[in-house]
Amino acid sequence: MSKNPLNLSLRFLLELAILFALGYWGWVRHEGAWRYLLVVGLPVLASVLWGTFRKPGDEISSGKAPVPVPGWLRLLLELALFGSGIWGLFDAGAMTAGWIFFGITFVHYLLSYDYVAWLLKR
């Protein structure tokens, strides 16, 4: 199910939502130069982490792993990034958006049970 085009589209939109949520948090919770640094820096950092640390052979991405990591570590990274986006929305006061983001992310991972099992497979 994880390779279904609709689920892959949902995953892409969720990845973009992480970037937005982190930037939104930086904008709402900080002022001055920090505001601009975090609005740009946090999404860039999240993008670099997301694209760099991969399990070799991951067909959801290109299959290439710039920095190969075990599947459990990749899953932990994904959960940390999604969690940081959700937390950022909650902390910035966007409670409804945070709950919606959490719910959609939860459903996505339920639908992607085969991907999660592949990541956890030795």
PDB file of N, CA and C in Angstrom:
ATOM      1  N   MET A   1       0.808  -1.192   0.000  1.00  0.00           N
ATOM      2  CA  MET A   1       0.000   0.000   0.000  1.00  0.00           C
ATOM      3  C   MET A   1       0.854   1.261   0.000  1.00  0.00           C
ATOM      4  N   SER A   2       2.078   1.181   0.511  1.00  0.00           N
ATOM      5  CA  SER A   2       2.915   2.377   0.611  1.00  0.00           C
ATOM      6  C   SER A   2       3.314   2.925  -0.751  1.00  0.00           C
ATOM      7  N   LYS A   3       3.247   2.096  -1.799  1.00  0.00           N
ATOM      8  CA  LYS A   3       3.637   2.553  -3.143  1.00  0.00           C
ATOM      9  C   LYS A   3       2.436   3.007  -3.972  1.00  0.00           C
ATOM     10  N   ASN A   4       1.263   3.016  -3.374  1.00  0.00           N
ATOM     11  CA  ASN A   4       0.071   3.507  -4.051  1.00  0.00           C
ATOM     12  C   ASN A   4       0.264   4.990  -4.362  1.00  0.00           C
ATOM     13  N   PRO A   5      -0.021   5.416  -5.593  1.00  0.00           N
ATOM     14  CA  PRO A   5       0.198   6.823  -5.959  1.00  0.00           C
ATOM     15  C   PRO A   5      -0.517   7.822  -5.046  1.00  0.00           C
ATOM     16  N   LEU A   6      -1.709   7.481  -4.573  1.00  0.00           N
ATOM     17  CA  LEU A   6      -2.410   8.387  -3.664  1.00  0.00           C
ATOM     18  C   LEU A   6      -1.687   8.497  -2.326  1.00  0.00           C
ATOM     19  N   ASN A   7      -1.204   7.362  -1.825  1.00  0.00           N
ATOM     20  CA  ASN A   7      -0.470   7.386  -0.556  1.00  0.00           C
ATOM     21  C   ASN A   7       0.872   8.099  -0.715  1.00  0.00           C
ATOM     22  N   LEU A   8       1.523   7.913  -1.851  1.00  0.00           N
ATOM     23  CA  LEU A   8       2.779   8.627  -2.095  1.00  0.00           C
ATOM     24  C   LEU A   8       2.542  10.135  -2.199  1.00  0.00           C
ATOM     25  N   SER A   9       1.427  10.520  -2.804  1.00  0.00           N
ATOM     26  CA  SER A   9       1.075  11.945  -2.872  1.00  0.00           C
ATOM     27  C   SER A   9       0.802  12.494  -1.483  1.00  0.00           C
ATOM     28  N   LEU A  10       0.098  11.717  -0.680  1.00  0.00           N
ATOM     29  CA  LEU A  10      -0.165  12.125   0.692  1.00  0.00           C
ATOM     30  C   LEU A  10       1.144  12.281   1.462  1.00  0.00           C
ATOM     31  N   ARG A  11       2.045  11.339   1.277  1.00  0.00           N
ATOM     32  CA  ARG A  11       3.343  11.403   1.959  1.00  0.00           C
ATOM     33  C   ARG A  11       4.097  12.671   1.558  1.00  0.00           C
ATOM     34  N   PHE A  12       4.079  12.997   0.280  1.00  0.00           N
ATOM     35  CA  PHE A  12       4.755  14.210  -0.189  1.00  0.00           C
ATOM     36  C   PHE A  12       4.141  15.451   0.459  1.00  0.00           C
ATOM     37  N   LEU A  13       2.817  15.501   0.516  1.00  0.00           N
ATOM     38  CA  LEU A  13       2.154  16.646   1.146  1.00  0.00           C
ATOM     39  C   LEU A  13       2.467  16.715   2.641  1.00  0.00           C
ATOM     40  N   LEU A  14       2.566  15.574   3.292  1.00  0.00           N
ATOM     41  CA  LEU A  14       2.942  15.558   4.701  1.00  0.00           C
ATOM     42  C   LEU A  14       4.379  16.039   4.900  1.00  0.00           C
ATOM     43  N   GLU A  15       5.268  15.668   3.979  1.00  0.00           N
ATOM     44  CA  GLU A  15       6.648  16.143   4.062  1.00  0.00           C
ATOM     45  C   GLU A  15       6.696  17.665   3.935  1.00  0.00           C
ATOM     46  N   LEU A  16       5.902  18.206   3.024  1.00  0.00           N
ATOM     47  CA  LEU A  16       5.829  19.663   2.886  1.00  0.00           C
ATOM     48  C   LEU A  16       5.230  20.298   4.141  1.00  0.00           C
ATOM     49  N   ALA A  17       4.270  19.622   4.734  1.00  0.00           N
ATOM     50  CA  ALA A  17       3.640  20.133   5.948  1.00  0.00           C
ATOM     51  C   ALA A  17       4.642  20.210   7.102  1.00  0.00           C
ATOM     52  N   ILE A  18       5.572  19.259   7.169  1.00  0.00           N
ATOM     53  CA  ILE A  18       6.623  19.329   8.192  1.00  0.00           C
ATOM     54  C   ILE A  18       7.399  20.630   8.023  1.00  0.00           C
ATOM     55  N   LEU A  19       7.804  20.908   6.794  1.00  0.00           N
ATOM     56  CA  LEU A  19       8.604  22.111   6.528  1.00  0.00           C
ATOM     57  C   LEU A  19       7.825  23.368   6.893  1.00  0.00           C
ATOM     58  N   PHE A  20       6.557  23.403   6.505  1.00  0.00           N
ATOM     59  CA  PHE A  20       5.724  24.556   6.832  1.00  0.00           C
ATOM     60  C   PHE A  20       5.585  24.711   8.344  1.00  0.00           C
ATOM     61  N   ALA A  21       5.294  23.603   9.043  1.00  0.00           N
ATOM     62  CA  ALA A  21       5.065  23.662  10.485  1.00  0.00           C
ATOM     63  C   ALA A  21       6.306  24.147  11.224  1.00  0.00           C
ATOM     64  N   LEU A  22       7.473  23.682  10.810  1.00  0.00           N
ATOM     65  CA  LEU A  22       8.700  24.123  11.471  1.00  0.00           C
ATOM     66  C   LEU A  22       8.948  25.610  11.223  1.00  0.00           C
ATOM     67  N   GLY A  23       8.743  26.052   9.997  1.00  0.00           N
ATOM     68  CA  GLY A  23       8.901  27.470   9.694  1.00  0.00           C
ATOM     69  C   GLY A  23       7.874  28.323  10.421  1.00  0.00           C
ATOM     70  N   TYR A  24       6.651  27.835  10.493  1.00  0.00           N
ATOM     71  CA  TYR A  24       5.589  28.553  11.193  1.00  0.00           C
ATOM     72  C   TYR A  24       5.931  28.707  12.669  1.00  0.00           C
ATOM     73  N   TRP A  25       6.428  27.647  13.274  1.00  0.00           N
ATOM     74  CA  TRP A  25       6.828  27.709  14.673  1.00  0.00           C
ATOM     75  C   TRP A  25       7.907  28.762  14.877  1.00  0.00           C
ATOM     76  N   GLY A  26       8.912  28.762  14.013  1.00  0.00           N
ATOM     77  CA  GLY A  26       9.979  29.756  14.123  1.00  0.00           C
ATOM     78  C   GLY A  26       9.453  31.172  13.999  1.00  0.00           C
ATOM     79  N   TRP A  27       8.488  31.375  13.128  1.00  0.00           N
ATOM     80  CA  TRP A  27       7.925  32.706  12.904  1.00  0.00           C
ATOM     81  C   TRP A  27       7.096  33.180  14.104  1.00  0.00           C
ATOM     82  N   VAL A  28       6.274  32.286  14.642  1.00  0.00           N
ATOM     83  CA  VAL A  28       5.353  32.661  15.714  1.00  0.00           C
ATOM     84  C   VAL A  28       6.061  32.794  17.059  1.00  0.00           C
ATOM     85  N   ARG A  29       6.996  31.906  17.338  1.00  0.00           N
ATOM     86  CA  ARG A  29       7.588  31.834  18.675  1.00  0.00           C
ATOM     87  C   ARG A  29       8.833  32.692  18.871  1.00  0.00           C
ATOM     88  N   HIS A  30       9.347  33.295  17.828  1.00  0.00           N
ATOM     89  CA  HIS A  30      10.578  34.072  17.957  1.00  0.00           C
ATOM     90  C   HIS A  30      10.432  35.421  17.272  1.00  0.00           C
ATOM     91  N   GLU A  31      11.331  36.332  17.640  1.00  0.00           N
ATOM     92  CA  GLU A  31      11.315  37.670  17.049  1.00  0.00           C
ATOM     93  C   GLU A  31      12.710  38.041  16.584  1.00  0.00           C
ATOM     94  N   GLY A  32      12.777  39.111  15.823  1.00  0.00           N
ATOM     95  CA  GLY A  32      14.057  39.638  15.372  1.00  0.00           C
ATOM     96  C   GLY A  32      14.755  38.722  14.393  1.00  0.00           C
ATOM     97  N   ALA A  33      16.075  38.709  14.494  1.00  0.00           N
ATOM     98  CA  ALA A  33      16.891  37.916  13.569  1.00  0.00           C
ATOM     99  C   ALA A  33      16.632  36.425  13.721  1.00  0.00           C
ATOM    100  N   TRP A  34      16.357  35.975  14.972  1.00  0.00           N
ATOM    101  CA  TRP A  34      16.078  34.552  15.185  1.00  0.00           C
ATOM    102  C   TRP A  34      14.881  34.089  14.372  1.00  0.00           C
ATOM    103  N   ARG A  35      13.879  34.950  14.278  1.00  0.00           N
ATOM    104  CA  ARG A  35      12.677  34.608  13.523  1.00  0.00           C
ATOM    105  C   ARG A  35      13.033  34.219  12.094  1.00  0.00           C
ATOM    106  N   TYR A  36      13.806  35.045  11.434  1.00  0.00           N
ATOM    107  CA  TYR A  36      14.160  34.797  10.029  1.00  0.00           C
ATOM    108  C   TYR A  36      15.108  33.609   9.886  1.00  0.00           C
ATOM    109  N   LEU A  37      16.025  33.485  10.838  1.00  0.00           N
ATOM    110  CA  LEU A  37      16.956  32.357  10.796  1.00  0.00           C
ATOM    111  C   LEU A  37      16.202  31.032  10.945  1.00  0.00           C
ATOM    112  N   LEU A  38      15.258  30.980  11.882  1.00  0.00           N
ATOM    113  CA  LEU A  38      14.519  29.731  12.106  1.00  0.00           C
ATOM    114  C   LEU A  38      13.523  29.433  10.994  1.00  0.00           C
ATOM    115  N   VAL A  39      12.899  30.459  10.432  1.00  0.00           N
ATOM    116  CA  VAL A  39      11.937  30.251   9.347  1.00  0.00           C
ATOM    117  C   VAL A  39      12.606  29.595   8.145  1.00  0.00           C
ATOM    118  N   VAL A  40      13.845  29.960   7.908  1.00  0.00           N
ATOM    119  CA  VAL A  40      14.583  29.373   6.787  1.00  0.00           C
ATOM    120  C   VAL A  40      15.366  28.145   7.231  1.00  0.00           C
ATOM    121  N   GLY A  41      16.039  28.257   8.364  1.00  0.00           N
ATOM    122  CA  GLY A  41      16.964  27.221   8.807  1.00  0.00           C
ATOM    123  C   GLY A  41      16.329  25.903   9.194  1.00  0.00           C
ATOM    124  N   LEU A  42      15.230  25.951   9.921  1.00  0.00           N
ATOM    125  CA  LEU A  42      14.606  24.694  10.349  1.00  0.00           C
ATOM    126  C   LEU A  42      14.084  23.856   9.177  1.00  0.00           C
ATOM    127  N   PRO A  43      13.375  24.459   8.220  1.00  0.00           N
ATOM    128  CA  PRO A  43      12.957  23.647   7.072  1.00  0.00           C
ATOM    129  C   PRO A  43      14.140  23.111   6.254  1.00  0.00           C
ATOM    130  N   VAL A  44      15.196  23.911   6.125  1.00  0.00           N
ATOM    131  CA  VAL A  44      16.373  23.433   5.384  1.00  0.00           C
ATOM    132  C   VAL A  44      17.011  22.266   6.126  1.00  0.00           C
ATOM    133  N   LEU A  45      17.167  22.398   7.443  1.00  0.00           N
ATOM    134  CA  LEU A  45      17.745  21.314   8.234  1.00  0.00           C
ATOM    135  C   LEU A  45      16.896  20.044   8.131  1.00  0.00           C
ATOM    136  N   ALA A  46      15.591  20.191   8.242  1.00  0.00           N
ATOM    137  CA  ALA A  46      14.700  19.026   8.130  1.00  0.00           C
ATOM    138  C   ALA A  46      14.824  18.381   6.750  1.00  0.00           C
ATOM    139  N   SER A  47      14.907  19.198   5.708  1.00  0.00           N
ATOM    140  CA  SER A  47      15.040  18.671   4.339  1.00  0.00           C
ATOM    141  C   SER A  47      16.338  17.896   4.165  1.00  0.00           C
ATOM    142  N   VAL A  48      17.409  18.444   4.710  1.00  0.00           N
ATOM    143  CA  VAL A  48      18.712  17.776   4.595  1.00  0.00           C
ATOM    144  C   VAL A  48      18.687  16.441   5.329  1.00  0.00           C
ATOM    145  N   LEU A  49      18.153  16.437   6.545  1.00  0.00           N
ATOM    146  CA  LEU A  49      18.069  15.180   7.295  1.00  0.00           C
ATOM    147  C   LEU A  49      17.201  14.157   6.564  1.00  0.00           C
ATOM    148  N   TRP A  50      16.044  14.611   6.056  1.00  0.00           N
ATOM    149  CA  TRP A  50      15.106  13.724   5.371  1.00  0.00           C
ATOM    150  C   TRP A  50      15.735  13.090   4.129  1.00  0.00           C
ATOM    151  N   GLY A  51      16.442  13.886   3.357  1.00  0.00           N
ATOM    152  CA  GLY A  51      16.991  13.397   2.101  1.00  0.00           C
ATOM    153  C   GLY A  51      18.322  12.686   2.209  1.00  0.00           C
ATOM    154  N   THR A  52      19.023  12.863   3.309  1.00  0.00           N
ATOM    155  CA  THR A  52      20.375  12.326   3.428  1.00  0.00           C
ATOM    156  C   THR A  52      20.414  10.952   4.062  1.00  0.00           C
ATOM    157  N   PHE A  53      19.725  10.766   5.157  1.00  0.00           N
ATOM    158  CA  PHE A  53      19.798   9.516   5.912  1.00  0.00           C
ATOM    159  C   PHE A  53      18.688   8.577   5.464  1.00  0.00           C
ATOM    160  N   ARG A  54      19.067   7.548   4.709  1.00  0.00           N
ATOM    161  CA  ARG A  54      18.103   6.623   4.111  1.00  0.00           C
ATOM    162  C   ARG A  54      18.569   5.183   4.281  1.00  0.00           C
ATOM    163  N   LYS A  55      17.600   4.299   4.280  1.00  0.00           N
ATOM    164  CA  LYS A  55      17.923   2.873   4.242  1.00  0.00           C
ATOM    165  C   LYS A  55      18.196   2.516   2.787  1.00  0.00           C
ATOM    166  N   PRO A  56      19.309   1.828   2.514  1.00  0.00           N
ATOM    167  CA  PRO A  56      19.613   1.452   1.125  1.00  0.00           C
ATOM    168  C   PRO A  56      18.476   0.636   0.504  1.00  0.00           C
ATOM    169  N   GLY A  57      18.147   0.961  -0.747  1.00  0.00           N
ATOM    170  CA  GLY A  57      17.104   0.255  -1.472  1.00  0.00           C
ATOM    171  C   GLY A  57      15.708   0.787  -1.224  1.00  0.00           C
ATOM    172  N   ASP A  58      15.598   1.935  -0.569  1.00  0.00           N
ATOM    173  CA  ASP A  58      14.288   2.526  -0.284  1.00  0.00           C
ATOM    174  C   ASP A  58      13.634   2.956  -1.587  1.00  0.00           C
ATOM    175  N   GLU A  59      12.609   2.210  -2.011  1.00  0.00           N
ATOM    176  CA  GLU A  59      11.958   2.473  -3.297  1.00  0.00           C
ATOM    177  C   GLU A  59      11.019   3.670  -3.247  1.00  0.00           C
ATOM    178  N   ILE A  60      10.650   4.117  -2.055  1.00  0.00           N
ATOM    179  CA  ILE A  60       9.802   5.297  -1.953  1.00  0.00           C
ATOM    180  C   ILE A  60      10.588   6.523  -2.407  1.00  0.00           C
ATOM    181  N   SER A  61      11.883   6.508  -2.126  1.00  0.00           N
ATOM    182  CA  SER A  61      12.743   7.566  -2.661  1.00  0.00           C
ATOM    183  C   SER A  61      13.386   7.023  -3.926  1.00  0.00           C
ATOM    184  N   SER A  62      14.534   7.492  -4.259  1.00  0.00           N
ATOM    185  CA  SER A  62      15.199   7.051  -5.486  1.00  0.00           C
ATOM    186  C   SER A  62      15.830   5.670  -5.351  1.00  0.00           C
ATOM    187  N   GLY A  63      15.887   5.154  -4.148  1.00  0.00           N
ATOM    188  CA  GLY A  63      16.569   3.881  -3.918  1.00  0.00           C
ATOM    189  C   GLY A  63      18.003   4.077  -3.507  1.00  0.00           C
ATOM    190  N   LYS A  64      18.507   5.298  -3.683  1.00  0.00           N
ATOM    191  CA  LYS A  64      19.882   5.609  -3.296  1.00  0.00           C
ATOM    192  C   LYS A  64      19.896   6.120  -1.861  1.00  0.00           C
ATOM    193  N   ALA A  65      20.975   5.836  -1.175  1.00  0.00           N
ATOM    194  CA  ALA A  65      21.125   6.276   0.209  1.00  0.00           C
ATOM    195  C   ALA A  65      22.421   7.070   0.327  1.00  0.00           C
ATOM    196  N   PRO A  66      22.342   8.402   0.310  1.00  0.00           N
ATOM    197  CA  PRO A  66      23.567   9.201   0.459  1.00  0.00           C
ATOM    198  C   PRO A  66      24.341   8.833   1.723  1.00  0.00           C
ATOM    199  N   VAL A  67      23.631   8.656   2.833  1.00  0.00           N
ATOM    200  CA  VAL A  67      24.227   8.155   4.072  1.00  0.00           C
ATOM    201  C   VAL A  67      23.357   6.984   4.509  1.00  0.00           C
ATOM    202  N   PRO A  68      23.834   5.760   4.262  1.00  0.00           N
ATOM    203  CA  PRO A  68      23.026   4.587   4.610  1.00  0.00           C
ATOM    204  C   PRO A  68      22.845   4.445   6.120  1.00  0.00           C
ATOM    205  N   VAL A  69      21.618   4.184   6.529  1.00  0.00           N
ATOM    206  CA  VAL A  69      21.318   3.953   7.942  1.00  0.00           C
ATOM    207  C   VAL A  69      20.411   2.735   8.045  1.00  0.00           C
ATOM    208  N   PRO A  70      20.403   2.087   9.207  1.00  0.00           N
ATOM    209  CA  PRO A  70      19.470   0.965   9.389  1.00  0.00           C
ATOM    210  C   PRO A  70      18.030   1.455   9.317  1.00  0.00           C
ATOM    211  N   GLY A  71      17.142   0.561   8.956  1.00  0.00           N
ATOM    212  CA  GLY A  71      15.736   0.917   8.808  1.00  0.00           C
ATOM    213  C   GLY A  71      15.111   1.485  10.065  1.00  0.00           C
ATOM    214  N   TRP A  72      15.448   0.911  11.219  1.00  0.00           N
ATOM    215  CA  TRP A  72      14.873   1.403  12.466  1.00  0.00           C
ATOM    216  C   TRP A  72      15.287   2.845  12.725  1.00  0.00           C
ATOM    217  N   LEU A  73      16.512   3.202  12.328  1.00  0.00           N
ATOM    218  CA  LEU A  73      16.977   4.571  12.520  1.00  0.00           C
ATOM    219  C   LEU A  73      16.266   5.529  11.563  1.00  0.00           C
ATOM    220  N   ARG A  74      16.021   5.071  10.348  1.00  0.00           N
ATOM    221  CA  ARG A  74      15.270   5.890   9.389  1.00  0.00           C
ATOM    222  C   ARG A  74      13.843   6.126   9.894  1.00  0.00           C
ATOM    223  N   LEU A  75      13.218   5.090  10.409  1.00  0.00           N
ATOM    224  CA  LEU A  75      11.871   5.232  10.945  1.00  0.00           C
ATOM    225  C   LEU A  75      11.873   6.190  12.137  1.00  0.00           C
ATOM    226  N   LEU A  76      12.862   6.088  12.984  1.00  0.00           N
ATOM    227  CA  LEU A  76      12.983   6.986  14.128  1.00  0.00           C
ATOM    228  C   LEU A  76      13.161   8.430  13.661  1.00  0.00           C
ATOM    229  N   LEU A  77      13.963   8.639  12.623  1.00  0.00           N
ATOM    230  CA  LEU A  77      14.154   9.979  12.063  1.00  0.00           C
ATOM    231  C   LEU A  77      12.837  10.523  11.508  1.00  0.00           C
ATOM    232  N   GLU A  78      12.122   9.705  10.768  1.00  0.00           N
ATOM    233  CA  GLU A  78      10.833  10.138  10.221  1.00  0.00           C
ATOM    234  C   GLU A  78       9.869  10.520  11.335  1.00  0.00           C
ATOM    235  N   LEU A  79       9.785   9.674  12.361  1.00  0.00           N
ATOM    236  CA  LEU A  79       8.874   9.964  13.470  1.00  0.00           C
ATOM    237  C   LEU A  79       9.300  11.221  14.219  1.00  0.00           C
ATOM    238  N   ALA A  80      10.595  11.433  14.356  1.00  0.00           N
ATOM    239  CA  ALA A  80      11.090  12.639  15.026  1.00  0.00           C
ATOM    240  C   ALA A  80      10.742  13.889  14.219  1.00  0.00           C
ATOM    241  N   LEU A  81      10.895  13.821  12.901  1.00  0.00           N
ATOM    242  CA  LEU A  81      10.582  14.989  12.078  1.00  0.00           C
ATOM    243  C   LEU A  81       9.077  15.258  12.042  1.00  0.00           C
ATOM    244  N   PHE A  82       8.280  14.221  11.875  1.00  0.00           N
ATOM    245  CA  PHE A  82       6.827  14.417  11.929  1.00  0.00           C
ATOM    246  C   PHE A  82       6.419  14.921  13.311  1.00  0.00           C
ATOM    247  N   GLY A  83       7.000  14.334  14.341  1.00  0.00           N
ATOM    248  CA  GLY A  83       6.693  14.768  15.705  1.00  0.00           C
ATOM    249  C   GLY A  83       7.079  16.208  15.958  1.00  0.00           C
ATOM    250  N   SER A  84       8.211  16.630  15.411  1.00  0.00           N
ATOM    251  CA  SER A  84       8.629  18.021  15.608  1.00  0.00           C
ATOM    252  C   SER A  84       7.687  18.976  14.884  1.00  0.00           C
ATOM    253  N   GLY A  85       7.206  18.585  13.724  1.00  0.00           N
ATOM    254  CA  GLY A  85       6.232  19.415  13.017  1.00  0.00           C
ATOM    255  C   GLY A  85       4.923  19.528  13.778  1.00  0.00           C
ATOM    256  N   ILE A  86       4.457  18.398  14.301  1.00  0.00           N
ATOM    257  CA  ILE A  86       3.216  18.390  15.076  1.00  0.00           C
ATOM    258  C   ILE A  86       3.395  19.212  16.346  1.00  0.00           C
ATOM    259  N   TRP A  87       4.497  18.995  17.045  1.00  0.00           N
ATOM    260  CA  TRP A  87       4.775  19.763  18.260  1.00  0.00           C
ATOM    261  C   TRP A  87       4.876  21.251  17.946  1.00  0.00           C
ATOM    262  N   GLY A  88       5.522  21.590  16.824  1.00  0.00           N
ATOM    263  CA  GLY A  88       5.654  22.994  16.441  1.00  0.00           C
ATOM    264  C   GLY A  88       4.302  23.662  16.261  1.00  0.00           C
ATOM    265  N   LEU A  89       3.376  22.966  15.648  1.00  0.00           N
ATOM    266  CA  LEU A  89       2.033  23.527  15.480  1.00  0.00           C
ATOM    267  C   LEU A  89       1.347  23.711  16.826  1.00  0.00           C
ATOM    268  N   PHE A  90       1.433  22.700  17.690  1.00  0.00           N
ATOM    269  CA  PHE A  90       0.828  22.822  19.017  1.00  0.00           C
ATOM    270  C   PHE A  90       1.453  23.979  19.796  1.00  0.00           C
ATOM    271  N   ASP A  91       2.777  24.051  19.787  1.00  0.00           N
ATOM    272  CA  ASP A  91       3.479  25.076  20.559  1.00  0.00           C
ATOM    273  C   ASP A  91       3.218  26.480  20.011  1.00  0.00           C
ATOM    274  N   ALA A  92       2.958  26.590  18.731  1.00  0.00           N
ATOM    275  CA  ALA A  92       2.674  27.893  18.122  1.00  0.00           C
ATOM    276  C   ALA A  92       1.211  28.296  18.311  1.00  0.00           C
ATOM    277  N   GLY A  93       0.426  27.435  18.930  1.00  0.00           N
ATOM    278  CA  GLY A  93      -0.964  27.762  19.200  1.00  0.00           C
ATOM    279  C   GLY A  93      -1.946  27.290  18.156  1.00  0.00           C
ATOM    280  N   ALA A  94      -1.468  26.567  17.146  1.00  0.00           N
ATOM    281  CA  ALA A  94      -2.342  26.064  16.085  1.00  0.00           C
ATOM    282  C   ALA A  94      -2.803  24.652  16.457  1.00  0.00           C
ATOM    283  N   MET A  95      -3.610  24.586  17.501  1.00  0.00           N
ATOM    284  CA  MET A  95      -4.022  23.289  18.046  1.00  0.00           C
ATOM    285  C   MET A  95      -4.802  22.449  17.034  1.00  0.00           C
ATOM    286  N   THR A  96      -5.754  23.056  16.364  1.00  0.00           N
ATOM    287  CA  THR A  96      -6.555  22.305  15.397  1.00  0.00           C
ATOM    288  C   THR A  96      -5.681  21.772  14.274  1.00  0.00           C
ATOM    289  N   ALA A  97      -4.795  22.612  13.750  1.00  0.00           N
ATOM    290  CA  ALA A  97      -3.883  22.176  12.688  1.00  0.00           C
ATOM    291  C   ALA A  97      -2.975  21.060  13.187  1.00  0.00           C
ATOM    292  N   GLY A  98      -2.518  21.153  14.427  1.00  0.00           N
ATOM    293  CA  GLY A  98      -1.672  20.112  15.001  1.00  0.00           C
ATOM    294  C   GLY A  98      -2.387  18.774  15.086  1.00  0.00           C
ATOM    295  N   TRP A  99      -3.641  18.795  15.537  1.00  0.00           N
ATOM    296  CA  TRP A  99      -4.407  17.549  15.629  1.00  0.00           C
ATOM    297  C   TRP A  99      -4.706  16.966  14.254  1.00  0.00           C
ATOM    298  N   ILE A 100      -5.010  17.834  13.297  1.00  0.00           N
ATOM    299  CA  ILE A 100      -5.259  17.353  11.933  1.00  0.00           C
ATOM    300  C   ILE A 100      -3.993  16.738  11.354  1.00  0.00           C
ATOM    301  N   PHE A 101      -2.864  17.418  11.533  1.00  0.00           N
ATOM    302  CA  PHE A 101      -1.584  16.905  11.038  1.00  0.00           C
ATOM    303  C   PHE A 101      -1.261  15.567  11.696  1.00  0.00           C
ATOM    304  N   PHE A 102      -1.483  15.475  13.008  1.00  0.00           N
ATOM    305  CA  PHE A 102      -1.251  14.219  13.708  1.00  0.00           C
ATOM    306  C   PHE A 102      -2.134  13.103  13.140  1.00  0.00           C
ATOM    307  N   GLY A 103      -3.415  13.385  12.980  1.00  0.00           N
ATOM    308  CA  GLY A 103      -4.349  12.375  12.494  1.00  0.00           C
ATOM    309  C   GLY A 103      -4.015  11.879  11.102  1.00  0.00           C
ATOM    310  N   ILE A 104      -3.703  12.795  10.208  1.00  0.00           N
ATOM    311  CA  ILE A 104      -3.378  12.406   8.837  1.00  0.00           C
ATOM    312  C   ILE A 104      -2.065  11.621   8.804  1.00  0.00           C
ATOM    313  N   THR A 105      -1.092  12.050   9.605  1.00  0.00           N
ATOM    314  CA  THR A 105       0.183  11.325   9.669  1.00  0.00           C
ATOM    315  C   THR A 105      -0.031   9.921  10.213  1.00  0.00           C
ATOM    316  N   PHE A 106      -0.850   9.791  11.239  1.00  0.00           N
ATOM    317  CA  PHE A 106      -1.145   8.490  11.827  1.00  0.00           C
ATOM    318  C   PHE A 106      -1.788   7.567  10.793  1.00  0.00           C
ATOM    319  N   VAL A 107      -2.772   8.081  10.071  1.00  0.00           N
ATOM    320  CA  VAL A 107      -3.445   7.290   9.035  1.00  0.00           C
ATOM    321  C   VAL A 107      -2.453   6.902   7.938  1.00  0.00           C
ATOM    322  N   HIS A 108      -1.586   7.829   7.557  1.00  0.00           N
ATOM    323  CA  HIS A 108      -0.584   7.521   6.529  1.00  0.00           C
ATOM    324  C   HIS A 108       0.286   6.342   6.957  1.00  0.00           C
ATOM    325  N   TYR A 109       0.766   6.358   8.196  1.00  0.00           N
ATOM    326  CA  TYR A 109       1.624   5.259   8.640  1.00  0.00           C
ATOM    327  C   TYR A 109       0.846   3.955   8.798  1.00  0.00           C
ATOM    328  N   LEU A 110      -0.428   4.033   9.135  1.00  0.00           N
ATOM    329  CA  LEU A 110      -1.244   2.818   9.145  1.00  0.00           C
ATOM    330  C   LEU A 110      -1.362   2.236   7.737  1.00  0.00           C
ATOM    331  N   LEU A 111      -1.580   3.107   6.754  1.00  0.00           N
ATOM    332  CA  LEU A 111      -1.673   2.650   5.367  1.00  0.00           C
ATOM    333  C   LEU A 111      -0.328   2.159   4.833  1.00  0.00           C
ATOM    334  N   SER A 112       0.750   2.633   5.418  1.00  0.00           N
ATOM    335  CA  SER A 112       2.094   2.281   4.966  1.00  0.00           C
ATOM    336  C   SER A 112       2.703   1.171   5.824  1.00  0.00           C
ATOM    337  N   TYR A 113       1.864   0.277   6.319  1.00  0.00           N
ATOM    338  CA  TYR A 113       2.331  -0.801   7.187  1.00  0.00           C
ATOM    339  C   TYR A 113       3.429  -1.625   6.522  1.00  0.00           C
ATOM    340  N   ASP A 114       3.343  -1.810   5.198  1.00  0.00           N
ATOM    341  CA  ASP A 114       4.364  -2.604   4.513  1.00  0.00           C
ATOM    342  C   ASP A 114       5.708  -1.871   4.494  1.00  0.00           C
ATOM    343  N   TYR A 115       5.691  -0.555   4.371  1.00  0.00           N
ATOM    344  CA  TYR A 115       6.916   0.239   4.407  1.00  0.00           C
ATOM    345  C   TYR A 115       7.534   0.194   5.803  1.00  0.00           C
ATOM    346  N   VAL A 116       6.704   0.325   6.832  1.00  0.00           N
ATOM    347  CA  VAL A 116       7.200   0.274   8.210  1.00  0.00           C
ATOM    348  C   VAL A 116       7.791  -1.106   8.485  1.00  0.00           C
ATOM    349  N   ALA A 117       7.117  -2.158   8.041  1.00  0.00           N
ATOM    350  CA  ALA A 117       7.637  -3.520   8.232  1.00  0.00           C
ATOM    351  C   ALA A 117       8.961  -3.694   7.498  1.00  0.00           C
ATOM    352  N   TRP A 118       9.079  -3.125   6.299  1.00  0.00           N
ATOM    353  CA  TRP A 118      10.333  -3.220   5.543  1.00  0.00           C
ATOM    354  C   TRP A 118      11.454  -2.485   6.278  1.00  0.00           C
ATOM    355  N   LEU A 119      11.153  -1.324   6.828  1.00  0.00           N
ATOM    356  CA  LEU A 119      12.174  -0.585   7.574  1.00  0.00           C
ATOM    357  C   LEU A 119      12.648  -1.358   8.798  1.00  0.00           C
ATOM    358  N   LEU A 120      11.745  -2.060   9.455  1.00  0.00           N
ATOM    359  CA  LEU A 120      12.097  -2.772  10.684  1.00  0.00           C
ATOM    360  C   LEU A 120      12.663  -4.153  10.416  1.00  0.00           C
ATOM    361  N   LYS A 121      12.578  -4.611   9.166  1.00  0.00           N
ATOM    362  CA  LYS A 121      13.102  -5.924   8.793  1.00  0.00           C
ATOM    363  C   LYS A 121      14.637  -5.884   8.811  1.00  0.00           C
ATOM    364  N   ARG A 122      15.249  -6.928   9.302  1.00  0.00           N
ATOM    365  CA  ARG A 122      16.712  -6.937   9.414  1.00  0.00           C
ATOM    366  C   ARG A 122      17.362  -7.249   8.095  1.00  0.00           C
TER     367      ARG A 122
END
